[in-house]
Amino acid sequence: VPDELNFSTWEPVPDDLDHGFCCAGDVKIRWPNKPGLLVVIKRSVEFGHVVLYSPTEDGPFKGHVCIEWQTAAPNGAALYALGVPNTGIVNLEPGAELKTWWEVQFHLDFHAGE
């Protein structure tokens, strides 16, 4: 495994990440310092929401964003056990499959900001 992909040697991720939930259709991300850059992320309906994490302070991850698609609500298993509907929990019988997908599109307008 190349050093840059050997996660066992990485420092733990600092706990200075803020997060937000998005339950809309596609996720669109724009950068104020890159006016022509747009990232669009589409997904299958099983992914009911996405969590966006970004650093709250200066540090090694400043300027980065992490996107995590989720099928279940936070604490979804416990909510499901209580009978709460629409938690996103999917029960599969042995041998069953759940096929999902997501797609990332990068759009670049070289003339933006001119």
N, C-alpha and C. Protein backbone atom coordinates (compact mmCIF):
# COMPACT_ATOMS: atom_id res chain seq x y z
N VAL A 1 0.86 -1.17 0.00
CA VAL A 1 0.00 0.00 0.00
C VAL A 1 0.90 1.23 0.00
N PRO A 2 0.71 2.14 -0.95
CA PRO A 2 1.51 3.36 -0.95
C PRO A 2 1.29 4.16 0.33
N ASP A 3 2.30 4.88 0.78
CA ASP A 3 2.20 5.64 2.02
C ASP A 3 1.00 6.57 2.06
N GLU A 4 0.70 7.24 0.93
CA GLU A 4 -0.40 8.20 0.93
C GLU A 4 -1.77 7.54 1.06
N LEU A 5 -1.83 6.21 0.88
CA LEU A 5 -3.10 5.49 1.04
C LEU A 5 -3.11 4.59 2.27
N ASN A 6 -2.06 4.61 3.04
CA ASN A 6 -1.97 3.79 4.24
C ASN A 6 -2.60 4.55 5.41
N PHE A 7 -3.90 4.37 5.58
CA PHE A 7 -4.64 5.11 6.59
C PHE A 7 -4.20 4.78 8.01
N SER A 8 -3.56 3.63 8.21
CA SER A 8 -3.15 3.27 9.56
C SER A 8 -2.07 4.20 10.10
N THR A 9 -1.40 4.93 9.23
CA THR A 9 -0.35 5.84 9.69
C THR A 9 -0.85 7.27 9.85
N TRP A 10 -2.09 7.53 9.48
CA TRP A 10 -2.63 8.89 9.55
C TRP A 10 -2.96 9.27 10.99
N GLU A 11 -2.88 10.55 11.25
CA GLU A 11 -3.30 11.07 12.55
C GLU A 11 -4.83 11.02 12.62
N PRO A 12 -5.39 10.89 13.81
CA PRO A 12 -6.85 10.90 13.92
C PRO A 12 -7.42 12.22 13.40
N VAL A 13 -8.61 12.16 12.83
CA VAL A 13 -9.26 13.38 12.36
C VAL A 13 -9.63 14.22 13.57
N PRO A 14 -9.28 15.51 13.55
CA PRO A 14 -9.62 16.35 14.71
C PRO A 14 -11.13 16.49 14.84
N ASP A 15 -11.56 16.67 16.06
CA ASP A 15 -12.99 16.78 16.32
C ASP A 15 -13.42 18.25 16.24
N ASP A 16 -13.03 18.93 15.17
CA ASP A 16 -13.41 20.33 15.00
C ASP A 16 -14.27 20.49 13.76
N LEU A 17 -15.05 19.45 13.45
CA LEU A 17 -15.86 19.48 12.25
C LEU A 17 -17.28 19.89 12.57
N ASP A 18 -17.80 20.80 11.76
CA ASP A 18 -19.20 21.17 11.86
C ASP A 18 -19.94 20.32 10.84
N HIS A 19 -21.22 20.14 11.03
CA HIS A 19 -21.97 19.35 10.05
C HIS A 19 -23.38 19.90 9.90
N GLY A 20 -23.95 19.59 8.76
CA GLY A 20 -25.32 19.99 8.49
C GLY A 20 -26.00 18.90 7.68
N PHE A 21 -27.29 18.83 7.75
CA PHE A 21 -28.05 17.81 7.03
C PHE A 21 -28.77 18.45 5.85
N CYS A 22 -28.84 17.73 4.78
CA CYS A 22 -29.54 18.21 3.60
C CYS A 22 -30.49 17.11 3.14
N CYS A 23 -31.73 17.42 2.98
CA CYS A 23 -32.70 16.41 2.58
C CYS A 23 -33.30 16.71 1.22
N ALA A 24 -32.71 17.58 0.48
CA ALA A 24 -33.22 17.93 -0.84
C ALA A 24 -32.79 16.88 -1.85
N GLY A 25 -33.06 17.14 -3.12
CA GLY A 25 -32.67 16.22 -4.18
C GLY A 25 -31.17 16.19 -4.37
N ASP A 26 -30.69 16.94 -5.35
CA ASP A 26 -29.26 16.97 -5.63
C ASP A 26 -28.56 17.91 -4.67
N VAL A 27 -27.29 17.62 -4.43
CA VAL A 27 -26.45 18.51 -3.64
C VAL A 27 -25.61 19.30 -4.62
N LYS A 28 -25.60 20.62 -4.44
CA LYS A 28 -24.79 21.49 -5.29
C LYS A 28 -23.83 22.26 -4.40
N ILE A 29 -22.56 22.21 -4.75
CA ILE A 29 -21.54 22.88 -3.96
C ILE A 29 -20.82 23.88 -4.85
N ARG A 30 -20.72 25.11 -4.37
CA ARG A 30 -19.97 26.17 -5.05
C ARG A 30 -18.94 26.73 -4.08
N TRP A 31 -17.84 27.22 -4.62
CA TRP A 31 -16.78 27.81 -3.83
C TRP A 31 -16.70 29.30 -4.15
N PRO A 32 -16.75 30.15 -3.13
CA PRO A 32 -16.72 31.60 -3.40
C PRO A 32 -15.43 32.05 -4.08
N ASN A 33 -14.33 31.38 -3.81
CA ASN A 33 -13.05 31.78 -4.41
C ASN A 33 -12.82 31.10 -5.76
N LYS A 34 -13.73 30.26 -6.22
CA LYS A 34 -13.66 29.58 -7.53
C LYS A 34 -15.02 29.74 -8.20
N PRO A 35 -15.35 30.93 -8.72
CA PRO A 35 -16.71 31.19 -9.19
C PRO A 35 -17.18 30.30 -10.33
N GLY A 36 -16.30 29.71 -11.08
CA GLY A 36 -16.73 28.87 -12.18
C GLY A 36 -16.85 27.40 -11.86
N LEU A 37 -16.58 27.02 -10.61
CA LEU A 37 -16.60 25.61 -10.23
C LEU A 37 -17.91 25.26 -9.55
N LEU A 38 -18.55 24.21 -10.05
CA LEU A 38 -19.79 23.70 -9.47
C LEU A 38 -19.68 22.18 -9.41
N VAL A 39 -19.98 21.62 -8.26
CA VAL A 39 -20.04 20.17 -8.11
C VAL A 39 -21.49 19.81 -7.82
N VAL A 40 -22.03 18.87 -8.60
CA VAL A 40 -23.40 18.40 -8.41
C VAL A 40 -23.32 16.92 -8.06
N ILE A 41 -23.99 16.55 -6.99
CA ILE A 41 -23.98 15.16 -6.55
C ILE A 41 -25.42 14.66 -6.57
N LYS A 42 -25.65 13.61 -7.34
CA LYS A 42 -26.97 12.99 -7.46
C LYS A 42 -26.92 11.61 -6.81
N ARG A 43 -28.09 11.10 -6.41
CA ARG A 43 -28.11 9.80 -5.74
C ARG A 43 -29.43 9.10 -5.95
N SER A 44 -29.43 7.81 -5.68
CA SER A 44 -30.67 7.05 -5.73
C SER A 44 -31.53 7.41 -4.52
N VAL A 45 -32.82 7.13 -4.62
CA VAL A 45 -33.77 7.56 -3.60
C VAL A 45 -33.53 6.93 -2.23
N GLU A 46 -32.81 5.81 -2.19
CA GLU A 46 -32.56 5.16 -0.89
C GLU A 46 -31.76 6.06 0.04
N PHE A 47 -30.95 6.94 -0.54
CA PHE A 47 -30.18 7.88 0.28
C PHE A 47 -31.08 9.07 0.58
N GLY A 48 -31.71 9.04 1.74
CA GLY A 48 -32.70 10.06 2.09
C GLY A 48 -32.11 11.40 2.44
N HIS A 49 -30.87 11.43 2.88
CA HIS A 49 -30.26 12.71 3.21
C HIS A 49 -28.75 12.58 3.14
N VAL A 50 -28.13 13.70 3.21
CA VAL A 50 -26.67 13.76 3.16
C VAL A 50 -26.21 14.59 4.35
N VAL A 51 -25.06 14.22 4.89
CA VAL A 51 -24.44 15.01 5.95
C VAL A 51 -23.21 15.65 5.34
N LEU A 52 -23.09 16.95 5.51
CA LEU A 52 -21.93 17.70 5.03
C LEU A 52 -21.10 18.11 6.24
N TYR A 53 -19.84 17.73 6.24
CA TYR A 53 -18.94 18.08 7.32
C TYR A 53 -17.92 19.06 6.79
N SER A 54 -17.59 20.07 7.58
CA SER A 54 -16.53 20.99 7.20
C SER A 54 -15.83 21.47 8.47
N PRO A 55 -14.54 21.78 8.37
CA PRO A 55 -13.80 22.22 9.56
C PRO A 55 -14.35 23.54 10.08
N THR A 56 -14.33 23.70 11.39
CA THR A 56 -14.79 24.93 12.01
C THR A 56 -13.62 25.84 12.37
N GLU A 57 -12.41 25.32 12.31
CA GLU A 57 -11.23 26.09 12.71
C GLU A 57 -10.11 25.88 11.70
N ASP A 58 -9.06 26.68 11.87
CA ASP A 58 -7.86 26.42 11.08
C ASP A 58 -7.32 25.06 11.46
N GLY A 59 -6.79 24.36 10.52
CA GLY A 59 -6.24 23.04 10.79
C GLY A 59 -5.99 22.33 9.49
N PRO A 60 -5.62 21.06 9.55
CA PRO A 60 -5.23 20.34 8.34
C PRO A 60 -6.37 20.15 7.34
N PHE A 61 -7.63 20.28 7.77
CA PHE A 61 -8.75 20.06 6.87
C PHE A 61 -9.47 21.36 6.48
N LYS A 62 -8.90 22.50 6.84
CA LYS A 62 -9.52 23.79 6.48
C LYS A 62 -9.64 23.87 4.96
N GLY A 63 -10.80 24.27 4.50
CA GLY A 63 -11.03 24.39 3.06
C GLY A 63 -11.55 23.13 2.41
N HIS A 64 -11.70 22.06 3.19
CA HIS A 64 -12.21 20.79 2.66
C HIS A 64 -13.64 20.57 3.13
N VAL A 65 -14.31 19.69 2.45
CA VAL A 65 -15.65 19.31 2.86
C VAL A 65 -15.77 17.79 2.68
N CYS A 66 -16.50 17.16 3.57
CA CYS A 66 -16.75 15.72 3.49
C CYS A 66 -18.25 15.54 3.32
N ILE A 67 -18.62 14.70 2.38
CA ILE A 67 -20.03 14.45 2.10
C ILE A 67 -20.32 12.98 2.37
N GLU A 68 -21.32 12.73 3.22
CA GLU A 68 -21.67 11.35 3.57
C GLU A 68 -23.15 11.13 3.31
N TRP A 69 -23.45 10.33 2.29
CA TRP A 69 -24.85 9.96 2.03
C TRP A 69 -25.29 8.96 3.08
N GLN A 70 -26.51 9.10 3.54
CA GLN A 70 -27.04 8.17 4.53
C GLN A 70 -28.45 7.73 4.14
N THR A 71 -28.74 6.47 4.41
CA THR A 71 -30.10 5.99 4.18
C THR A 71 -30.95 6.20 5.42
N ALA A 72 -30.33 6.18 6.58
CA ALA A 72 -31.09 6.23 7.83
C ALA A 72 -30.84 7.54 8.56
N ALA A 73 -31.85 7.95 9.30
CA ALA A 73 -31.74 9.13 10.13
C ALA A 73 -30.71 8.87 11.23
N PRO A 74 -30.10 9.93 11.76
CA PRO A 74 -29.24 9.72 12.92
C PRO A 74 -30.03 8.99 13.99
N ASN A 75 -29.42 7.98 14.56
CA ASN A 75 -30.08 7.15 15.56
C ASN A 75 -31.26 6.39 14.94
N GLY A 76 -31.17 6.12 13.65
CA GLY A 76 -32.27 5.48 12.92
C GLY A 76 -32.67 4.13 13.47
N ALA A 77 -31.69 3.32 13.87
CA ALA A 77 -32.03 1.99 14.38
C ALA A 77 -32.86 2.08 15.66
N ALA A 78 -32.48 2.98 16.54
CA ALA A 78 -33.24 3.13 17.79
C ALA A 78 -34.64 3.68 17.51
N LEU A 79 -34.73 4.64 16.59
CA LEU A 79 -36.03 5.20 16.24
C LEU A 79 -36.92 4.14 15.60
N TYR A 80 -36.33 3.32 14.73
CA TYR A 80 -37.07 2.24 14.08
C TYR A 80 -37.61 1.27 15.12
N ALA A 81 -36.78 0.93 16.10
CA ALA A 81 -37.20 0.00 17.16
C ALA A 81 -38.36 0.56 17.97
N LEU A 82 -38.46 1.88 18.03
CA LEU A 82 -39.56 2.52 18.75
C LEU A 82 -40.81 2.67 17.89
N GLY A 83 -40.72 2.25 16.62
CA GLY A 83 -41.87 2.32 15.73
C GLY A 83 -42.00 3.63 14.98
N VAL A 84 -40.97 4.47 15.02
CA VAL A 84 -41.02 5.75 14.30
C VAL A 84 -40.94 5.46 12.80
N PRO A 85 -41.87 5.99 12.00
CA PRO A 85 -41.85 5.73 10.56
C PRO A 85 -40.79 6.57 9.84
N ASN A 86 -40.44 6.12 8.65
CA ASN A 86 -39.56 6.87 7.74
C ASN A 86 -38.18 7.17 8.33
N THR A 87 -37.61 6.21 9.03
CA THR A 87 -36.26 6.41 9.57
C THR A 87 -35.19 6.09 8.54
N GLY A 88 -35.58 5.43 7.46
CA GLY A 88 -34.61 5.07 6.42
C GLY A 88 -33.98 3.71 6.63
N ILE A 89 -34.31 3.05 7.71
CA ILE A 89 -33.77 1.71 7.96
C ILE A 89 -34.34 0.75 6.92
N VAL A 90 -33.47 -0.03 6.31
CA VAL A 90 -33.89 -1.02 5.32
C VAL A 90 -33.54 -2.40 5.86
N ASN A 91 -34.54 -3.22 6.09
CA ASN A 91 -34.31 -4.58 6.56
C ASN A 91 -34.22 -5.51 5.35
N LEU A 92 -33.14 -6.26 5.27
CA LEU A 92 -32.95 -7.20 4.18
C LEU A 92 -32.95 -8.62 4.71
N GLU A 93 -33.64 -9.48 4.02
CA GLU A 93 -33.62 -10.90 4.35
C GLU A 93 -32.26 -11.47 3.98
N PRO A 94 -31.85 -12.57 4.59
CA PRO A 94 -30.56 -13.18 4.23
C PRO A 94 -30.47 -13.41 2.72
N GLY A 95 -29.39 -12.99 2.14
CA GLY A 95 -29.16 -13.14 0.71
C GLY A 95 -29.74 -12.03 -0.15
N ALA A 96 -30.55 -11.17 0.43
CA ALA A 96 -31.15 -10.07 -0.33
C ALA A 96 -30.12 -8.97 -0.56
N GLU A 97 -30.39 -8.12 -1.53
CA GLU A 97 -29.48 -7.03 -1.87
C GLU A 97 -30.24 -5.70 -1.90
N LEU A 98 -29.51 -4.65 -1.65
CA LEU A 98 -30.01 -3.30 -1.83
C LEU A 98 -29.01 -2.59 -2.73
N LYS A 99 -29.44 -2.24 -3.93
CA LYS A 99 -28.54 -1.58 -4.87
C LYS A 99 -28.84 -0.09 -4.86
N THR A 100 -27.80 0.68 -4.68
CA THR A 100 -27.91 2.13 -4.67
C THR A 100 -26.84 2.70 -5.59
N TRP A 101 -26.90 4.00 -5.82
CA TRP A 101 -25.89 4.65 -6.63
C TRP A 101 -25.80 6.12 -6.23
N TRP A 102 -24.65 6.68 -6.54
CA TRP A 102 -24.51 8.13 -6.49
C TRP A 102 -23.49 8.55 -7.52
N GLU A 103 -23.62 9.77 -7.97
CA GLU A 103 -22.83 10.27 -9.09
C GLU A 103 -22.34 11.68 -8.75
N VAL A 104 -21.09 11.95 -9.07
CA VAL A 104 -20.51 13.27 -8.84
C VAL A 104 -20.20 13.88 -10.20
N GLN A 105 -20.72 15.08 -10.43
CA GLN A 105 -20.46 15.80 -11.67
C GLN A 105 -19.69 17.07 -11.34
N PHE A 106 -18.64 17.32 -12.11
CA PHE A 106 -17.86 18.54 -11.96
C PHE A 106 -18.14 19.43 -13.17
N HIS A 107 -18.52 20.66 -12.90
CA HIS A 107 -18.79 21.62 -13.96
C HIS A 107 -17.82 22.78 -13.77
N LEU A 108 -17.16 23.17 -14.84
CA LEU A 108 -16.21 24.27 -14.77
C LEU A 108 -16.48 25.26 -15.89
N ASP A 109 -16.77 26.50 -15.52
CA ASP A 109 -16.98 27.58 -16.47
C ASP A 109 -15.72 28.44 -16.43
N PHE A 110 -14.90 28.30 -17.46
CA PHE A 110 -13.62 29.01 -17.50
C PHE A 110 -13.80 30.52 -17.64
N HIS A 111 -14.99 30.97 -18.02
CA HIS A 111 -15.22 32.40 -18.22
C HIS A 111 -15.91 33.06 -17.04
N ALA A 112 -16.23 32.30 -16.02
CA ALA A 112 -16.90 32.86 -14.86
C ALA A 112 -15.97 33.85 -14.16
N GLY A 113 -16.53 34.93 -13.70
CA GLY A 113 -15.74 35.92 -12.98
C GLY A 113 -15.00 36.90 -13.86
N GLU A 114 -15.17 36.78 -15.19
CA GLU A 114 -14.48 37.71 -16.10
C GLU A 114 -15.21 39.02 -16.19
